[in-house]
Each structure stands twice: as C-alpha cells, then as structure tokens.
Amino acid sequence: MTEIFNLPAMLGRWTLNRIQIFGRSGIFLCLAIFQGFLRPLRPGRLIKEIEFIGSKSLLIVFVTGLFTGMVLGLQGHHTLTQFGAEALLGSAVALSIIRELGPVLCALMVTGRAGSAMAAEIGIMKITDQFPALEMMAIDPLKYVISPKILAGIISLPLLTAFFNVVGIFGGYLVGVKLLGVNEGAYFGKMVSAVTFTDIFGGVLKSLTFGLVIAWICSFMGYTAQATTEGVSRATTQAVVFSSLAILVMDYILTSLLL
C-alpha cells in the first residue's frame, strides 16, 4: 500500500531528473558550439574529426545507398508497371531518396559507425582521467575534444547525404534502366522535372539537423558516463539508441514543417 502512495513522488523525481538532464545537455551543446569559435582555433582537430566521421563512413554509406536505390528501382518498377507509368521510376526513386531515405538512412549508418565510437572514446578519456590532465595543461576539454566533434558532425552529414543520394539514384538507374529496360531519357527527364529546390533544401536541412543531433547526444552520453567500464558500455549503447530515436522523431517533425 505504501508503494502506491510513493508512486507520485517517484514519478515526480523521474520527471525532474529528465528535465535536469535535458537542461544540462542543452548547456553542454551551447558551450561546445560557442567555444568552437573562440581562439585558439585548432583546425587540425576539426579536420581529423571530419575525416573520422565523414571519410571513414564513405564505404558503409556507399553500400547502403547503392542497395537502397536498387531496391527502390525494383519495387518501384513492379508497382508502376501495373499502372503503365514505369517512365516515372526516376522521379519516384529520386524523391524517395532525397526527401526521406537519404538523410535518415545515412544518419542511422553514421550513428552506428561513428556515433558509438565517439561516445566510447569520450567515455574512455573520462575514466582514464585524461580530462583532468588536459585541465592541468590549461586546455579546456570541452573546446579541445567536444567542439570539433560537434562541428564535424554538422559539416560531414550533409556531404555524406549528398553522396548517398547520388549513389542511390545510380542504384535505381542500374536496376531500372540497365536491368529492367526503362527508357534512360524518361528516367532522368522525369527526375529533373519532379525534383524541386524545396525537396533538396528539405534534405539538406534534415542532414544538418541529424548531424548536430548525433554529435550532441553521443558526445554528451560519453562525457557524462559513469567512470567505470560498465558505465562506458552503457553510455555507448544509450548513445546509439537515443540518437536513432531522435533521428526518427526529428524526421517526422521536420517533414511535417516542410510539407
């Protein structure tokens, strides 16, 4: 009976704790972005993080984009043929990838590859007391470690998404035109007439948002991980899960605003 009366108190503590965490993460993000533009600037750190998040994710983004486009080409051709509209295959593939699948799938792949490593790296730096060591050398850990990762995420995701879009459209071309015999001129002609600036802008906006969300959540989870190996492992798992969920939620919100 006592547990029933304690339920509102437990719910209140849980709610206040989540509000506190959200507030701390917001301050963490603002400080990291602000300090990233303060001197001394370290472009080498930023370039290194762009290479880690962007360049080293090219292979998985290429494979994902290629087979996503091929599946869209196969399924789209099967569906459109029933209505005698297979000439619209190019526009169907392009719009599906540019509006939704490109930003979302690319972000999920980067979360699994780079986001998990980001959270684990920061967590390991914490449990091995590397942050206090940086402070003893008069180096701000937030500026030196976190800021380049967040800025690199914002820069890398739109570029990776653009690469994903090109590869995905090419995958649809391989299946639709080369394998199933759709007219090449119709494939690209309908695509050019269907894709508008609003579609491209929406995809870029989503990729920028997803890049920020991935770097923010993964960095914060690693930075606030418990100073144990189990704590780092738990923080890494939570970083991937929360980032993936945040990507899907933000995708719905942005889509509803852009339509």
Protein backbone atom coordinates (compact mmCIF):
# COMPACT_ATOMS: atom_id res chain seq x y z
CA MET A 1 0.00 0.00 0.00
CA THR A 2 2.88 2.35 0.79
CA GLU A 3 4.33 1.83 -2.68
CA ILE A 4 1.12 3.13 -4.24
CA PHE A 5 1.37 6.37 -2.25
CA ASN A 6 5.06 6.69 -3.19
CA LEU A 7 4.26 6.37 -6.91
CA PRO A 8 3.56 10.12 -7.49
CA ALA A 9 6.80 11.00 -5.71
CA MET A 10 8.76 8.52 -7.81
CA LEU A 11 7.16 9.86 -10.99
CA GLY A 12 7.97 13.43 -9.94
CA ARG A 13 11.61 12.57 -9.22
CA TRP A 14 11.91 10.80 -12.56
CA THR A 15 10.43 13.80 -14.40
CA LEU A 16 12.65 16.31 -12.62
CA ASN A 17 15.69 14.15 -13.30
CA ARG A 18 14.91 14.03 -17.03
CA ILE A 19 14.35 17.80 -17.14
CA GLN A 20 17.69 18.29 -15.40
CA ILE A 21 19.48 16.03 -17.87
CA PHE A 22 17.88 17.84 -20.82
CA GLY A 23 18.92 21.19 -19.38
CA ARG A 24 22.49 20.04 -18.78
CA SER A 25 22.70 18.66 -22.32
CA GLY A 26 21.43 21.97 -23.73
CA ILE A 27 24.06 23.96 -21.81
CA PHE A 28 26.66 21.40 -22.88
CA LEU A 29 25.75 21.91 -26.56
CA CYS A 30 25.71 25.71 -26.38
CA LEU A 31 29.10 25.85 -24.65
CA ALA A 32 30.65 23.36 -27.08
CA ILE A 33 29.48 25.28 -30.16
CA PHE A 34 30.40 28.68 -28.69
CA GLN A 35 33.88 27.60 -27.63
CA GLY A 36 34.50 26.03 -31.01
CA PHE A 37 34.78 29.53 -32.50
CA LEU A 38 36.98 31.01 -29.77
CA ARG A 39 40.74 31.32 -30.07
CA PRO A 40 42.99 29.47 -30.16
CA LEU A 41 41.39 27.77 -33.14
CA ARG A 42 42.52 24.23 -33.85
CA PRO A 43 41.60 23.44 -37.48
CA GLY A 44 43.70 20.28 -37.33
CA ARG A 45 41.38 18.80 -34.73
CA LEU A 46 38.34 19.67 -36.82
CA ILE A 47 39.84 18.14 -39.98
CA LYS A 48 40.72 14.98 -38.06
CA GLU A 49 37.15 14.62 -36.82
CA ILE A 50 35.72 15.29 -40.30
CA GLU A 51 37.96 12.53 -41.62
CA PHE A 52 36.79 10.15 -38.89
CA ILE A 53 33.06 10.91 -39.23
CA GLY A 54 32.96 11.61 -42.96
CA SER A 55 35.75 9.92 -44.92
CA LYS A 56 35.75 6.69 -42.93
CA SER A 57 31.97 6.38 -43.32
CA LEU A 58 32.05 6.54 -47.12
CA LEU A 59 32.16 2.78 -47.65
CA ILE A 60 29.16 1.92 -45.49
CA VAL A 61 27.23 4.90 -46.93
CA PHE A 62 28.09 3.78 -50.47
CA VAL A 63 26.91 0.20 -49.91
CA THR A 64 23.74 1.32 -48.11
CA GLY A 65 22.91 3.92 -50.75
CA LEU A 66 23.56 1.60 -53.68
CA PHE A 67 21.34 -1.22 -52.46
CA THR A 68 18.66 1.18 -51.23
CA GLY A 69 18.44 2.64 -54.73
CA MET A 70 18.43 -0.82 -56.31
CA VAL A 71 15.60 -2.00 -54.06
CA LEU A 72 13.62 1.18 -54.80
CA GLY A 73 14.17 0.65 -58.52
CA LEU A 74 12.98 -2.95 -58.32
CA GLN A 75 9.95 -2.27 -56.14
CA GLY A 76 9.06 0.95 -57.93
CA HIS A 77 9.16 -0.70 -61.35
CA HIS A 78 6.98 -3.56 -60.13
CA THR A 79 4.39 -1.12 -58.76
CA LEU A 80 4.44 1.45 -61.58
CA THR A 81 4.20 -1.21 -64.29
CA GLN A 82 0.75 -2.13 -63.01
CA PHE A 83 -0.42 1.38 -63.91
CA GLY A 84 1.62 1.73 -67.11
CA ALA A 85 3.70 4.50 -65.53
CA GLU A 86 7.17 2.96 -65.47
CA ALA A 87 8.53 6.18 -67.02
CA LEU A 88 8.01 7.80 -63.60
CA LEU A 89 10.52 5.44 -61.99
CA GLY A 90 13.31 8.03 -61.97
CA SER A 91 11.25 10.65 -60.17
CA ALA A 92 9.93 8.08 -57.67
CA VAL A 93 13.44 6.89 -56.80
CA ALA A 94 14.91 10.40 -56.62
CA LEU A 95 12.14 11.90 -54.49
CA SER A 96 12.11 8.96 -52.07
CA ILE A 97 15.86 9.16 -51.55
CA ILE A 98 16.28 12.95 -51.47
CA ARG A 99 13.32 13.65 -49.21
CA GLU A 100 13.46 10.80 -46.72
CA LEU A 101 15.65 7.75 -47.19
CA GLY A 102 18.90 9.57 -47.91
CA PRO A 103 19.08 11.75 -44.77
CA VAL A 104 17.56 9.15 -42.44
CA LEU A 105 19.46 6.03 -43.52
CA CYS A 106 22.72 7.93 -43.83
CA ALA A 107 22.29 9.34 -40.32
CA LEU A 108 21.48 5.91 -38.88
CA MET A 109 24.56 4.40 -40.52
CA VAL A 110 26.79 7.19 -39.20
CA THR A 111 25.27 6.76 -35.73
CA GLY A 112 26.14 3.08 -35.70
CA ARG A 113 29.66 3.55 -37.03
CA ALA A 114 30.90 6.94 -35.80
CA GLY A 115 28.45 7.85 -33.04
CA SER A 116 29.14 4.74 -30.97
CA ALA A 117 32.89 5.21 -31.34
CA MET A 118 32.53 8.87 -30.37
CA ALA A 119 30.69 8.05 -27.14
CA ALA A 120 33.13 5.24 -26.27
CA GLU A 121 36.18 7.43 -26.95
CA ILE A 122 34.96 10.25 -24.72
CA GLY A 123 33.89 7.81 -22.02
CA ILE A 124 37.31 6.13 -22.01
CA MET A 125 39.01 9.52 -21.81
CA LYS A 126 36.90 10.24 -18.75
CA ILE A 127 37.60 7.02 -16.85
CA THR A 128 41.34 7.28 -17.59
CA ASP A 129 41.43 10.85 -16.17
CA GLN A 130 42.50 12.45 -19.43
CA PHE A 131 40.14 15.40 -18.91
CA PRO A 132 41.78 16.47 -15.62
CA ALA A 133 45.15 16.07 -17.34
CA LEU A 134 44.06 18.48 -20.09
CA GLU A 135 42.83 20.96 -17.48
CA MET A 136 46.20 20.80 -15.71
CA MET A 137 47.79 21.85 -19.04
CA ALA A 138 45.36 24.80 -19.25
CA ILE A 139 43.39 23.15 -22.08
CA ASP A 140 39.61 23.20 -21.92
CA PRO A 141 38.41 19.60 -22.56
CA LEU A 142 35.11 20.86 -23.92
CA LYS A 143 36.83 23.03 -26.51
CA TYR A 144 39.61 20.58 -27.35
CA VAL A 145 37.61 17.31 -27.51
CA ILE A 146 33.87 18.02 -27.82
CA SER A 147 33.64 21.13 -30.03
CA PRO A 148 35.49 19.60 -33.03
CA LYS A 149 33.25 16.53 -32.92
CA ILE A 150 30.02 18.54 -32.94
CA LEU A 151 31.20 20.87 -35.71
CA ALA A 152 32.49 17.91 -37.72
CA GLY A 153 29.12 16.18 -37.40
CA ILE A 154 27.31 19.25 -38.72
CA ILE A 155 29.71 19.52 -41.67
CA SER A 156 30.03 15.83 -42.53
CA LEU A 157 26.40 14.68 -42.56
CA PRO A 158 25.20 16.91 -45.46
CA LEU A 159 28.18 15.81 -47.56
CA LEU A 160 27.60 12.14 -46.78
CA THR A 161 23.89 12.53 -47.51
CA ALA A 162 24.61 14.11 -50.89
CA PHE A 163 26.92 11.19 -51.67
CA PHE A 164 24.22 8.74 -50.52
CA ASN A 165 21.65 10.43 -52.79
CA VAL A 166 23.86 10.22 -55.87
CA VAL A 167 24.75 6.58 -55.25
CA GLY A 168 21.11 5.69 -54.51
CA ILE A 169 19.85 7.29 -57.73
CA PHE A 170 22.59 5.46 -59.61
CA GLY A 171 21.50 2.18 -57.99
CA GLY A 172 17.93 2.79 -59.18
CA TYR A 173 19.30 3.54 -62.65
CA LEU A 174 21.22 0.25 -62.74
CA VAL A 175 18.14 -1.80 -61.91
CA GLY A 176 15.50 0.25 -63.71
CA VAL A 177 17.33 1.11 -66.94
CA LYS A 178 20.04 -1.50 -67.34
CA LEU A 179 18.25 -4.48 -65.86
CA LEU A 180 14.52 -3.89 -66.42
CA GLY A 181 14.69 -1.84 -69.61
CA VAL A 182 13.18 1.50 -68.59
CA ASN A 183 13.98 4.26 -71.10
CA GLU A 184 17.07 6.15 -69.96
CA GLY A 185 15.79 9.51 -71.19
CA ALA A 186 12.49 9.07 -69.39
CA TYR A 187 14.29 8.02 -66.19
CA PHE A 188 16.38 11.18 -65.97
CA GLY A 189 13.91 13.51 -67.71
CA LYS A 190 11.08 12.82 -65.29
CA MET A 191 13.52 13.05 -62.40
CA VAL A 192 14.71 16.54 -63.40
CA SER A 193 11.16 17.82 -63.78
CA ALA A 194 9.95 16.28 -60.49
CA VAL A 195 12.74 17.25 -58.09
CA THR A 196 12.43 20.87 -56.90
CA PHE A 197 14.55 23.16 -54.79
CA THR A 198 12.21 22.58 -51.84
CA ASP A 199 12.98 18.84 -51.93
CA ILE A 200 16.73 19.45 -51.96
CA PHE A 201 16.51 22.11 -49.24
CA GLY A 202 14.48 19.77 -47.05
CA GLY A 203 17.06 17.01 -47.41
CA VAL A 204 19.93 19.37 -46.58
CA LEU A 205 18.09 20.76 -43.55
CA LYS A 206 17.41 17.25 -42.26
CA SER A 207 21.02 16.18 -42.71
CA LEU A 208 22.29 19.27 -40.86
CA THR A 209 19.88 18.58 -38.00
CA PHE A 210 20.76 14.89 -37.84
CA GLY A 211 24.49 15.66 -37.82
CA LEU A 212 24.01 18.01 -34.89
CA VAL A 213 21.80 15.52 -33.03
CA ILE A 214 24.22 12.61 -33.49
CA ALA A 215 27.30 14.52 -32.34
CA TRP A 216 25.41 16.19 -29.48
CA ILE A 217 23.84 13.07 -27.98
CA CYS A 218 26.85 10.79 -28.44
CA SER A 219 29.29 13.36 -27.03
CA PHE A 220 27.05 14.13 -24.07
CA MET A 221 26.48 10.47 -23.23
CA GLY A 222 30.21 9.80 -23.30
CA TYR A 223 31.01 12.95 -21.31
CA THR A 224 28.51 12.09 -18.56
CA ALA A 225 29.22 8.34 -18.45
CA GLN A 226 29.98 6.74 -15.12
CA ALA A 227 33.69 6.29 -14.51
CA THR A 228 33.59 2.50 -14.89
CA THR A 229 33.88 0.13 -17.82
CA GLU A 230 30.23 -0.83 -17.36
CA GLY A 231 29.30 2.85 -17.34
CA VAL A 232 31.09 3.47 -20.64
CA SER A 233 29.49 0.41 -22.20
CA ARG A 234 26.03 1.51 -21.03
CA ALA A 235 26.61 5.08 -22.24
CA THR A 236 27.70 3.85 -25.68
CA THR A 237 24.60 1.71 -26.05
CA GLN A 238 22.33 4.52 -24.88
CA ALA A 239 24.03 6.97 -27.24
CA VAL A 240 23.21 4.83 -30.27
CA VAL A 241 19.65 4.12 -29.14
CA PHE A 242 18.82 7.71 -28.20
CA SER A 243 20.42 9.10 -31.34
CA SER A 244 18.48 6.70 -33.57
CA LEU A 245 15.21 7.55 -31.84
CA ALA A 246 15.96 11.28 -32.01
CA ILE A 247 16.65 11.00 -35.75
CA LEU A 248 13.28 9.36 -36.38
CA VAL A 249 11.42 11.87 -34.20
CA MET A 250 13.17 14.86 -35.78
CA ASP A 251 12.49 13.43 -39.23
CA TYR A 252 8.75 13.44 -38.53
CA ILE A 253 8.85 16.96 -37.08
CA LEU A 254 10.85 18.41 -39.99
CA THR A 255 8.73 16.59 -42.57
CA SER A 256 5.54 17.99 -41.04
CA LEU A 257 7.02 21.51 -41.12
CA LEU A 258 8.33 21.26 -44.69
CA LEU A 259 5.18 19.84 -46.30
